[in-house]
Amino acid sequence: MSDFTAYILKELQENLSNLLIAFTASFTGFAVAYLRSKKENQGKADWLEASICGFFSMSAWALMNWANIPQLVSVGIASFIGYWGTKYISDKTKKIFERLMEKLL
């Protein structure tokens, strides 16, 4: 096997494992949010909120990857994101911006 082929196979293996962790984190956030919303809404799940939580989880994975934190931690954070949901995150974000605006004005 040539050096180039060995290099390509090594890079492919590393990137596939990273993408698998990213998919797992995104799916975990989606699944937890879906099941939570189904329980809270008497059997009717909120697909949009679950999808948004999945995207938030993907962002958490990217942040972990950038900060050189072990990527498997992002799967646990994705569970918290799915459990908290978008309402909790938006409420906290609004409070932070309100405090920031009070300090600036």
PDB file of N, CA and C in Angstrom:
ATOM      1  N   MET A   1       0.855  -1.176   0.000  1.00  0.00           N
ATOM      2  CA  MET A   1       0.000   0.000   0.000  1.00  0.00           C
ATOM      3  C   MET A   1       0.898   1.235   0.000  1.00  0.00           C
ATOM      4  N   SER A   2       0.547   2.176  -0.831  1.00  0.00           N
ATOM      5  CA  SER A   2       1.354   3.388  -0.927  1.00  0.00           C
ATOM      6  C   SER A   2       1.119   4.293   0.284  1.00  0.00           C
ATOM      7  N   ASP A   3       2.033   5.227   0.468  1.00  0.00           N
ATOM      8  CA  ASP A   3       1.904   6.172   1.577  1.00  0.00           C
ATOM      9  C   ASP A   3       0.659   7.033   1.422  1.00  0.00           C
ATOM     10  N   PHE A   4       0.362   7.398   0.195  1.00  0.00           N
ATOM     11  CA  PHE A   4      -0.816   8.228  -0.052  1.00  0.00           C
ATOM     12  C   PHE A   4      -2.097   7.492   0.323  1.00  0.00           C
ATOM     13  N   THR A   5      -2.202   6.232  -0.054  1.00  0.00           N
ATOM     14  CA  THR A   5      -3.394   5.435   0.269  1.00  0.00           C
ATOM     15  C   THR A   5      -3.520   5.257   1.777  1.00  0.00           C
ATOM     16  N   ALA A   6      -2.406   5.012   2.444  1.00  0.00           N
ATOM     17  CA  ALA A   6      -2.436   4.860   3.900  1.00  0.00           C
ATOM     18  C   ALA A   6      -2.874   6.165   4.561  1.00  0.00           C
ATOM     19  N   TYR A   7      -2.393   7.289   4.037  1.00  0.00           N
ATOM     20  CA  TYR A   7      -2.778   8.600   4.580  1.00  0.00           C
ATOM     21  C   TYR A   7      -4.269   8.849   4.396  1.00  0.00           C
ATOM     22  N   ILE A   8      -4.784   8.554   3.211  1.00  0.00           N
ATOM     23  CA  ILE A   8      -6.216   8.759   2.930  1.00  0.00           C
ATOM     24  C   ILE A   8      -7.062   7.884   3.842  1.00  0.00           C
ATOM     25  N   LEU A   9      -6.696   6.632   4.022  1.00  0.00           N
ATOM     26  CA  LEU A   9      -7.462   5.731   4.888  1.00  0.00           C
ATOM     27  C   LEU A   9      -7.440   6.194   6.348  1.00  0.00           C
ATOM     28  N   LYS A  10      -6.281   6.692   6.789  1.00  0.00           N
ATOM     29  CA  LYS A  10      -6.174   7.186   8.166  1.00  0.00           C
ATOM     30  C   LYS A  10      -7.067   8.409   8.371  1.00  0.00           C
ATOM     31  N   GLU A  11      -7.010   9.360   7.448  1.00  0.00           N
ATOM     32  CA  GLU A  11      -7.840  10.564   7.547  1.00  0.00           C
ATOM     33  C   GLU A  11      -9.332  10.216   7.483  1.00  0.00           C
ATOM     34  N   LEU A  12      -9.684   9.301   6.622  1.00  0.00           N
ATOM     35  CA  LEU A  12     -11.081   8.884   6.498  1.00  0.00           C
ATOM     36  C   LEU A  12     -11.569   8.253   7.790  1.00  0.00           C
ATOM     37  N   GLN A  13     -10.747   7.423   8.397  1.00  0.00           N
ATOM     38  CA  GLN A  13     -11.120   6.780   9.652  1.00  0.00           C
ATOM     39  C   GLN A  13     -11.310   7.813  10.762  1.00  0.00           C
ATOM     40  N   GLU A  14     -10.413   8.774  10.888  1.00  0.00           N
ATOM     41  CA  GLU A  14     -10.519   9.800  11.929  1.00  0.00           C
ATOM     42  C   GLU A  14     -11.748  10.683  11.716  1.00  0.00           C
ATOM     43  N   ASN A  15     -11.994  11.081  10.487  1.00  0.00           N
ATOM     44  CA  ASN A  15     -13.136  11.953  10.214  1.00  0.00           C
ATOM     45  C   ASN A  15     -14.460  11.230  10.371  1.00  0.00           C
ATOM     46  N   LEU A  16     -14.525   9.964  10.011  1.00  0.00           N
ATOM     47  CA  LEU A  16     -15.767   9.217  10.186  1.00  0.00           C
ATOM     48  C   LEU A  16     -16.110   9.042  11.662  1.00  0.00           C
ATOM     49  N   SER A  17     -15.105   8.829  12.499  1.00  0.00           N
ATOM     50  CA  SER A  17     -15.387   8.699  13.929  1.00  0.00           C
ATOM     51  C   SER A  17     -15.866  10.032  14.502  1.00  0.00           C
ATOM     52  N   ASN A  18     -15.287  11.149  14.042  1.00  0.00           N
ATOM     53  CA  ASN A  18     -15.745  12.466  14.497  1.00  0.00           C
ATOM     54  C   ASN A  18     -17.177  12.733  14.055  1.00  0.00           C
ATOM     55  N   LEU A  19     -17.491  12.386  12.807  1.00  0.00           N
ATOM     56  CA  LEU A  19     -18.852  12.598  12.313  1.00  0.00           C
ATOM     57  C   LEU A  19     -19.860  11.697  13.018  1.00  0.00           C
ATOM     58  N   LEU A  20     -19.437  10.506  13.391  1.00  0.00           N
ATOM     59  CA  LEU A  20     -20.326   9.610  14.129  1.00  0.00           C
ATOM     60  C   LEU A  20     -20.662  10.187  15.500  1.00  0.00           C
ATOM     61  N   ILE A  21     -19.677  10.760  16.173  1.00  0.00           N
ATOM     62  CA  ILE A  21     -19.932  11.398  17.468  1.00  0.00           C
ATOM     63  C   ILE A  21     -20.836  12.611  17.289  1.00  0.00           C
ATOM     64  N   ALA A  22     -20.617  13.382  16.245  1.00  0.00           N
ATOM     65  CA  ALA A  22     -21.465  14.554  15.978  1.00  0.00           C
ATOM     66  C   ALA A  22     -22.905  14.117  15.723  1.00  0.00           C
ATOM     67  N   PHE A  23     -23.097  13.079  14.931  1.00  0.00           N
ATOM     68  CA  PHE A  23     -24.443  12.571  14.659  1.00  0.00           C
ATOM     69  C   PHE A  23     -25.086  12.040  15.932  1.00  0.00           C
ATOM     70  N   THR A  24     -24.312  11.337  16.746  1.00  0.00           N
ATOM     71  CA  THR A  24     -24.842  10.803  18.003  1.00  0.00           C
ATOM     72  C   THR A  24     -25.290  11.927  18.930  1.00  0.00           C
ATOM     73  N   ALA A  25     -24.493  12.994  19.033  1.00  0.00           N
ATOM     74  CA  ALA A  25     -24.865  14.131  19.879  1.00  0.00           C
ATOM     75  C   ALA A  25     -26.135  14.794  19.357  1.00  0.00           C
ATOM     76  N   SER A  26     -26.215  14.998  18.059  1.00  0.00           N
ATOM     77  CA  SER A  26     -27.390  15.633  17.473  1.00  0.00           C
ATOM     78  C   SER A  26     -28.635  14.770  17.668  1.00  0.00           C
ATOM     79  N   PHE A  27     -28.502  13.479  17.431  1.00  0.00           N
ATOM     80  CA  PHE A  27     -29.637  12.575  17.590  1.00  0.00           C
ATOM     81  C   PHE A  27     -30.079  12.482  19.045  1.00  0.00           C
ATOM     82  N   THR A  28     -29.132  12.489  19.973  1.00  0.00           N
ATOM     83  CA  THR A  28     -29.476  12.438  21.395  1.00  0.00           C
ATOM     84  C   THR A  28     -30.276  13.660  21.811  1.00  0.00           C
ATOM     85  N   GLY A  29     -29.827  14.841  21.394  1.00  0.00           N
ATOM     86  CA  GLY A  29     -30.579  16.060  21.703  1.00  0.00           C
ATOM     87  C   GLY A  29     -31.973  16.019  21.113  1.00  0.00           C
ATOM     88  N   PHE A  30     -32.084  15.560  19.866  1.00  0.00           N
ATOM     89  CA  PHE A  30     -33.381  15.449  19.204  1.00  0.00           C
ATOM     90  C   PHE A  30     -34.291  14.461  19.934  1.00  0.00           C
ATOM     91  N   ALA A  31     -33.763  13.284  20.254  1.00  0.00           N
ATOM     92  CA  ALA A  31     -34.586  12.234  20.866  1.00  0.00           C
ATOM     93  C   ALA A  31     -35.082  12.633  22.251  1.00  0.00           C
ATOM     94  N   VAL A  32     -34.209  13.212  23.062  1.00  0.00           N
ATOM     95  CA  VAL A  32     -34.614  13.621  24.413  1.00  0.00           C
ATOM     96  C   VAL A  32     -35.659  14.727  24.337  1.00  0.00           C
ATOM     97  N   ALA A  33     -35.470  15.705  23.453  1.00  0.00           N
ATOM     98  CA  ALA A  33     -36.448  16.791  23.308  1.00  0.00           C
ATOM     99  C   ALA A  33     -37.775  16.258  22.781  1.00  0.00           C
ATOM    100  N   TYR A  34     -37.723  15.339  21.841  1.00  0.00           N
ATOM    101  CA  TYR A  34     -38.943  14.744  21.292  1.00  0.00           C
ATOM    102  C   TYR A  34     -39.731  14.017  22.385  1.00  0.00           C
ATOM    103  N   LEU A  35     -39.048  13.183  23.154  1.00  0.00           N
ATOM    104  CA  LEU A  35     -39.731  12.421  24.204  1.00  0.00           C
ATOM    105  C   LEU A  35     -40.242  13.332  25.321  1.00  0.00           C
ATOM    106  N   ARG A  36     -39.459  14.372  25.671  1.00  0.00           N
ATOM    107  CA  ARG A  36     -39.913  15.304  26.709  1.00  0.00           C
ATOM    108  C   ARG A  36     -41.153  16.065  26.255  1.00  0.00           C
ATOM    109  N   SER A  37     -41.128  16.559  25.012  1.00  0.00           N
ATOM    110  CA  SER A  37     -42.287  17.315  24.531  1.00  0.00           C
ATOM    111  C   SER A  37     -43.512  16.419  24.384  1.00  0.00           C
ATOM    112  N   LYS A  38     -43.304  15.171  24.050  1.00  0.00           N
ATOM    113  CA  LYS A  38     -44.419  14.234  23.945  1.00  0.00           C
ATOM    114  C   LYS A  38     -45.049  13.996  25.315  1.00  0.00           C
ATOM    115  N   LYS A  39     -44.204  13.912  26.345  1.00  0.00           N
ATOM    116  CA  LYS A  39     -44.717  13.704  27.699  1.00  0.00           C
ATOM    117  C   LYS A  39     -45.427  14.958  28.217  1.00  0.00           C
ATOM    118  N   GLU A  40     -44.869  16.128  27.946  1.00  0.00           N
ATOM    119  CA  GLU A  40     -45.460  17.372  28.442  1.00  0.00           C
ATOM    120  C   GLU A  40     -46.757  17.739  27.734  1.00  0.00           C
ATOM    121  N   ASN A  41     -46.915  17.341  26.478  1.00  0.00           N
ATOM    122  CA  ASN A  41     -48.084  17.730  25.682  1.00  0.00           C
ATOM    123  C   ASN A  41     -49.097  16.601  25.537  1.00  0.00           C
ATOM    124  N   GLN A  42     -49.200  15.749  26.527  1.00  0.00           N
ATOM    125  CA  GLN A  42     -50.169  14.650  26.548  1.00  0.00           C
ATOM    126  C   GLN A  42     -50.140  13.801  25.271  1.00  0.00           C
ATOM    127  N   GLY A  43     -48.960  13.375  24.872  1.00  0.00           N
ATOM    128  CA  GLY A  43     -48.839  12.464  23.750  1.00  0.00           C
ATOM    129  C   GLY A  43     -48.581  13.101  22.408  1.00  0.00           C
ATOM    130  N   LYS A  44     -48.604  14.423  22.316  1.00  0.00           N
ATOM    131  CA  LYS A  44     -48.332  15.092  21.039  1.00  0.00           C
ATOM    132  C   LYS A  44     -46.927  15.699  21.098  1.00  0.00           C
ATOM    133  N   ALA A  45     -46.044  15.172  20.271  1.00  0.00           N
ATOM    134  CA  ALA A  45     -44.650  15.618  20.281  1.00  0.00           C
ATOM    135  C   ALA A  45     -44.478  16.873  19.433  1.00  0.00           C
ATOM    136  N   ASP A  46     -43.501  17.671  19.795  1.00  0.00           N
ATOM    137  CA  ASP A  46     -43.176  18.891  19.059  1.00  0.00           C
ATOM    138  C   ASP A  46     -41.927  18.629  18.210  1.00  0.00           C
ATOM    139  N   TRP A  47     -42.144  18.355  16.929  1.00  0.00           N
ATOM    140  CA  TRP A  47     -41.044  18.028  16.025  1.00  0.00           C
ATOM    141  C   TRP A  47     -40.104  19.203  15.817  1.00  0.00           C
ATOM    142  N   LEU A  48     -40.649  20.404  15.739  1.00  0.00           N
ATOM    143  CA  LEU A  48     -39.823  21.580  15.493  1.00  0.00           C
ATOM    144  C   LEU A  48     -38.864  21.832  16.656  1.00  0.00           C
ATOM    145  N   GLU A  49     -39.382  21.770  17.874  1.00  0.00           N
ATOM    146  CA  GLU A  49     -38.508  21.980  19.025  1.00  0.00           C
ATOM    147  C   GLU A  49     -37.444  20.893  19.102  1.00  0.00           C
ATOM    148  N   ALA A  50     -37.822  19.662  18.829  1.00  0.00           N
ATOM    149  CA  ALA A  50     -36.853  18.564  18.855  1.00  0.00           C
ATOM    150  C   ALA A  50     -35.762  18.784  17.801  1.00  0.00           C
ATOM    151  N   SER A  51     -36.150  19.264  16.632  1.00  0.00           N
ATOM    152  CA  SER A  51     -35.161  19.527  15.583  1.00  0.00           C
ATOM    153  C   SER A  51     -34.217  20.657  15.983  1.00  0.00           C
ATOM    154  N   ILE A  52     -34.764  21.698  16.571  1.00  0.00           N
ATOM    155  CA  ILE A  52     -33.931  22.822  17.010  1.00  0.00           C
ATOM    156  C   ILE A  52     -32.960  22.368  18.094  1.00  0.00           C
ATOM    157  N   CYS A  53     -33.425  21.526  19.010  1.00  0.00           N
ATOM    158  CA  CYS A  53     -32.530  21.001  20.043  1.00  0.00           C
ATOM    159  C   CYS A  53     -31.433  20.135  19.419  1.00  0.00           C
ATOM    160  N   GLY A  54     -31.762  19.423  18.361  1.00  0.00           N
ATOM    161  CA  GLY A  54     -30.749  18.650  17.654  1.00  0.00           C
ATOM    162  C   GLY A  54     -29.693  19.550  17.034  1.00  0.00           C
ATOM    163  N   PHE A  55     -30.127  20.682  16.468  1.00  0.00           N
ATOM    164  CA  PHE A  55     -29.172  21.635  15.900  1.00  0.00           C
ATOM    165  C   PHE A  55     -28.329  22.298  16.988  1.00  0.00           C
ATOM    166  N   PHE A  56     -28.955  22.622  18.133  1.00  0.00           N
ATOM    167  CA  PHE A  56     -28.186  23.158  19.263  1.00  0.00           C
ATOM    168  C   PHE A  56     -27.129  22.150  19.712  1.00  0.00           C
ATOM    169  N   SER A  57     -27.501  20.889  19.710  1.00  0.00           N
ATOM    170  CA  SER A  57     -26.564  19.846  20.116  1.00  0.00           C
ATOM    171  C   SER A  57     -25.392  19.746  19.143  1.00  0.00           C
ATOM    172  N   MET A  58     -25.671  19.917  17.871  1.00  0.00           N
ATOM    173  CA  MET A  58     -24.594  19.910  16.875  1.00  0.00           C
ATOM    174  C   MET A  58     -23.662  21.094  17.110  1.00  0.00           C
ATOM    175  N   SER A  59     -24.219  22.224  17.492  1.00  0.00           N
ATOM    176  CA  SER A  59     -23.390  23.391  17.807  1.00  0.00           C
ATOM    177  C   SER A  59     -22.528  23.127  19.034  1.00  0.00           C
ATOM    178  N   ALA A  60     -23.091  22.436  20.018  1.00  0.00           N
ATOM    179  CA  ALA A  60     -22.309  22.088  21.213  1.00  0.00           C
ATOM    180  C   ALA A  60     -21.149  21.179  20.837  1.00  0.00           C
ATOM    181  N   TRP A  61     -21.406  20.238  19.914  1.00  0.00           N
ATOM    182  CA  TRP A  61     -20.327  19.358  19.469  1.00  0.00           C
ATOM    183  C   TRP A  61     -19.221  20.167  18.788  1.00  0.00           C
ATOM    184  N   ALA A  62     -19.606  21.104  17.931  1.00  0.00           N
ATOM    185  CA  ALA A  62     -18.612  21.918  17.231  1.00  0.00           C
ATOM    186  C   ALA A  62     -17.798  22.751  18.219  1.00  0.00           C
ATOM    187  N   LEU A  63     -18.456  23.280  19.238  1.00  0.00           N
ATOM    188  CA  LEU A  63     -17.759  24.067  20.258  1.00  0.00           C
ATOM    189  C   LEU A  63     -16.783  23.190  21.035  1.00  0.00           C
ATOM    190  N   MET A  64     -17.206  21.989  21.385  1.00  0.00           N
ATOM    191  CA  MET A  64     -16.312  21.061  22.090  1.00  0.00           C
ATOM    192  C   MET A  64     -15.109  20.695  21.220  1.00  0.00           C
ATOM    193  N   ASN A  65     -15.354  20.470  19.959  1.00  0.00           N
ATOM    194  CA  ASN A  65     -14.279  20.129  19.034  1.00  0.00           C
ATOM    195  C   ASN A  65     -13.284  21.280  18.917  1.00  0.00           C
ATOM    196  N   TRP A  66     -13.791  22.498  18.837  1.00  0.00           N
ATOM    197  CA  TRP A  66     -12.942  23.671  18.727  1.00  0.00           C
ATOM    198  C   TRP A  66     -12.123  23.903  19.999  1.00  0.00           C
ATOM    199  N   ALA A  67     -12.736  23.639  21.160  1.00  0.00           N
ATOM    200  CA  ALA A  67     -12.077  23.888  22.437  1.00  0.00           C
ATOM    201  C   ALA A  67     -11.196  22.719  22.890  1.00  0.00           C
ATOM    202  N   ASN A  68     -11.067  21.704  22.052  1.00  0.00           N
ATOM    203  CA  ASN A  68     -10.272  20.516  22.367  1.00  0.00           C
ATOM    204  C   ASN A  68     -10.743  19.801  23.627  1.00  0.00           C
ATOM    205  N   ILE A  69     -12.041  19.837  23.875  1.00  0.00           N
ATOM    206  CA  ILE A  69     -12.662  19.068  24.952  1.00  0.00           C
ATOM    207  C   ILE A  69     -13.075  17.739  24.337  1.00  0.00           C
ATOM    208  N   PRO A  70     -12.948  16.633  25.071  1.00  0.00           N
ATOM    209  CA  PRO A  70     -13.330  15.341  24.494  1.00  0.00           C
ATOM    210  C   PRO A  70     -14.744  15.397  23.909  1.00  0.00           C
ATOM    211  N   GLN A  71     -14.870  14.918  22.693  1.00  0.00           N
ATOM    212  CA  GLN A  71     -16.122  15.070  21.964  1.00  0.00           C
ATOM    213  C   GLN A  71     -17.263  14.261  22.559  1.00  0.00           C
ATOM    214  N   LEU A  72     -16.965  13.216  23.289  1.00  0.00           N
ATOM    215  CA  LEU A  72     -18.039  12.431  23.901  1.00  0.00           C
ATOM    216  C   LEU A  72     -18.785  13.224  24.975  1.00  0.00           C
ATOM    217  N   VAL A  73     -18.154  14.261  25.501  1.00  0.00           N
ATOM    218  CA  VAL A  73     -18.830  15.131  26.465  1.00  0.00           C
ATOM    219  C   VAL A  73     -20.028  15.809  25.798  1.00  0.00           C
ATOM    220  N   SER A  74     -19.925  16.062  24.505  1.00  0.00           N
ATOM    221  CA  SER A  74     -21.015  16.733  23.793  1.00  0.00           C
ATOM    222  C   SER A  74     -22.279  15.877  23.757  1.00  0.00           C
ATOM    223  N   VAL A  75     -22.149  14.565  23.849  1.00  0.00           N
ATOM    224  CA  VAL A  75     -23.343  13.708  23.881  1.00  0.00           C
ATOM    225  C   VAL A  75     -24.105  13.939  25.183  1.00  0.00           C
ATOM    226  N   GLY A  76     -23.389  14.061  26.290  1.00  0.00           N
ATOM    227  CA  GLY A  76     -24.032  14.372  27.570  1.00  0.00           C
ATOM    228  C   GLY A  76     -24.658  15.750  27.576  1.00  0.00           C
ATOM    229  N   ILE A  77     -23.971  16.720  27.009  1.00  0.00           N
ATOM    230  CA  ILE A  77     -24.512  18.075  26.923  1.00  0.00           C
ATOM    231  C   ILE A  77     -25.735  18.091  26.020  1.00  0.00           C
ATOM    232  N   ALA A  78     -25.719  17.288  24.972  1.00  0.00           N
ATOM    233  CA  ALA A  78     -26.879  17.195  24.083  1.00  0.00           C
ATOM    234  C   ALA A  78     -28.105  16.681  24.833  1.00  0.00           C
ATOM    235  N   SER A  79     -27.904  15.771  25.773  1.00  0.00           N
ATOM    236  CA  SER A  79     -29.027  15.283  26.588  1.00  0.00           C
ATOM    237  C   SER A  79     -29.611  16.407  27.433  1.00  0.00           C
ATOM    238  N   PHE A  80     -28.733  17.234  28.018  1.00  0.00           N
ATOM    239  CA  PHE A  80     -29.219  18.370  28.796  1.00  0.00           C
ATOM    240  C   PHE A  80     -29.947  19.371  27.917  1.00  0.00           C
ATOM    241  N   ILE A  81     -29.422  19.628  26.732  1.00  0.00           N
ATOM    242  CA  ILE A  81     -30.081  20.557  25.814  1.00  0.00           C
ATOM    243  C   ILE A  81     -31.463  20.039  25.449  1.00  0.00           C
ATOM    244  N   GLY A  82     -31.565  18.759  25.153  1.00  0.00           N
ATOM    245  CA  GLY A  82     -32.862  18.180  24.819  1.00  0.00           C
ATOM    246  C   GLY A  82     -33.830  18.205  25.988  1.00  0.00           C
ATOM    247  N   TYR A  83     -33.321  18.006  27.201  1.00  0.00           N
ATOM    248  CA  TYR A  83     -34.187  18.007  28.378  1.00  0.00           C
ATOM    249  C   TYR A  83     -34.658  19.411  28.722  1.00  0.00           C
ATOM    250  N   TRP A  84     -33.748  20.386  28.647  1.00  0.00           N
ATOM    251  CA  TRP A  84     -34.132  21.759  28.943  1.00  0.00           C
ATOM    252  C   TRP A  84     -35.061  22.315  27.887  1.00  0.00           C
ATOM    253  N   GLY A  85     -34.760  22.051  26.649  1.00  0.00           N
ATOM    254  CA  GLY A  85     -35.600  22.541  25.563  1.00  0.00           C
ATOM    255  C   GLY A  85     -35.272  23.957  25.160  1.00  0.00           C
ATOM    256  N   THR A  86     -35.893  24.384  24.092  1.00  0.00           N
ATOM    257  CA  THR A  86     -35.610  25.709  23.547  1.00  0.00           C
ATOM    258  C   THR A  86     -36.213  26.820  24.397  1.00  0.00           C
ATOM    259  N   LYS A  87     -37.313  26.566  25.075  1.00  0.00           N
ATOM    260  CA  LYS A  87     -37.932  27.597  25.911  1.00  0.00           C
ATOM    261  C   LYS A  87     -36.997  27.999  27.050  1.00  0.00           C
ATOM    262  N   TYR A  88     -36.416  27.026  27.715  1.00  0.00           N
ATOM    263  CA  TYR A  88     -35.491  27.314  28.814  1.00  0.00           C
ATOM    264  C   TYR A  88     -34.294  28.114  28.305  1.00  0.00           C
ATOM    265  N   ILE A  89     -33.748  27.691  27.180  1.00  0.00           N
ATOM    266  CA  ILE A  89     -32.573  28.360  26.628  1.00  0.00           C
ATOM    267  C   ILE A  89     -32.915  29.790  26.214  1.00  0.00           C
ATOM    268  N   SER A  90     -34.082  29.985  25.592  1.00  0.00           N
ATOM    269  CA  SER A  90     -34.457  31.341  25.180  1.00  0.00           C
ATOM    270  C   SER A  90     -34.733  32.234  26.389  1.00  0.00           C
ATOM    271  N   ASP A  91     -35.339  31.697  27.446  1.00  0.00           N
ATOM    272  CA  ASP A  91     -35.577  32.499  28.653  1.00  0.00           C
ATOM    273  C   ASP A  91     -34.269  32.948  29.285  1.00  0.00           C
ATOM    274  N   LYS A  92     -33.308  32.042  29.375  1.00  0.00           N
ATOM    275  CA  LYS A  92     -32.006  32.399  29.948  1.00  0.00           C
ATOM    276  C   LYS A  92     -31.281  33.433  29.082  1.00  0.00           C
ATOM    277  N   THR A  93     -31.365  33.268  27.770  1.00  0.00           N
ATOM    278  CA  THR A  93     -30.717  34.210  26.861  1.00  0.00           C
ATOM    279  C   THR A  93     -31.337  35.598  26.987  1.00  0.00           C
ATOM    280  N   LYS A  94     -32.671  35.670  27.099  1.00  0.00           N
ATOM    281  CA  LYS A  94     -33.342  36.962  27.270  1.00  0.00           C
ATOM    282  C   LYS A  94     -32.897  37.641  28.551  1.00  0.00           C
ATOM    283  N   LYS A  95     -32.775  36.882  29.642  1.00  0.00           N
ATOM    284  CA  LYS A  95     -32.344  37.466  30.911  1.00  0.00           C
ATOM    285  C   LYS A  95     -30.927  38.013  30.818  1.00  0.00           C
ATOM    286  N   ILE A  96     -30.059  37.280  30.145  1.00  0.00           N
ATOM    287  CA  ILE A  96     -28.676  37.743  29.994  1.00  0.00           C
ATOM    288  C   ILE A  96     -28.634  39.031  29.188  1.00  0.00           C
ATOM    289  N   PHE A  97     -29.381  39.092  28.094  1.00  0.00           N
ATOM    290  CA  PHE A  97     -29.396  40.304  27.270  1.00  0.00           C
ATOM    291  C   PHE A  97     -30.043  41.471  28.007  1.00  0.00           C
ATOM    292  N   GLU A  98     -31.067  41.223  28.801  1.00  0.00           N
ATOM    293  CA  GLU A  98     -31.692  42.289  29.572  1.00  0.00           C
ATOM    294  C   GLU A  98     -30.716  42.872  30.577  1.00  0.00           C
ATOM    295  N   ARG A  99     -29.968  42.016  31.270  1.00  0.00           N
ATOM    296  CA  ARG A  99     -28.963  42.495  32.218  1.00  0.00           C
ATOM    297  C   ARG A  99     -27.869  43.279  31.512  1.00  0.00           C
ATOM    298  N   LEU A 100     -27.473  42.789  30.372  1.00  0.00           N
ATOM    299  CA  LEU A 100     -26.425  43.478  29.599  1.00  0.00           C
ATOM    300  C   LEU A 100     -26.900  44.847  29.149  1.00  0.00           C
ATOM    301  N   MET A 101     -28.132  44.949  28.692  1.00  0.00           N
ATOM    302  CA  MET A 101     -28.666  46.227  28.244  1.00  0.00           C
ATOM    303  C   MET A 101     -28.841  47.193  29.410  1.00  0.00           C
ATOM    304  N   GLU A 102     -29.213  46.682  30.605  1.00  0.00           N
ATOM    305  CA  GLU A 102     -29.324  47.553  31.766  1.00  0.00           C
ATOM    306  C   GLU A 102     -27.972  48.148  32.146  1.00  0.00           C
ATOM    307  N   LYS A 103     -26.920  47.350  32.015  1.00  0.00           N
ATOM    308  CA  LYS A 103     -25.579  47.851  32.343  1.00  0.00           C
ATOM    309  C   LYS A 103     -25.102  48.874  31.317  1.00  0.00           C
ATOM    310  N   LEU A 104     -25.450  48.639  30.059  1.00  0.00           N
ATOM    311  CA  LEU A 104     -25.006  49.551  29.006  1.00  0.00           C
ATOM    312  C   LEU A 104     -25.788  50.846  28.994  1.00  0.00           C
ATOM    313  N   LEU A 105     -27.051  50.809  29.366  1.00  0.00           N
ATOM    314  CA  LEU A 105     -27.882  52.009  29.325  1.00  0.00           C
ATOM    315  C   LEU A 105     -27.955  52.615  30.667  1.00  0.00           C
TER     316      LEU A 105
END
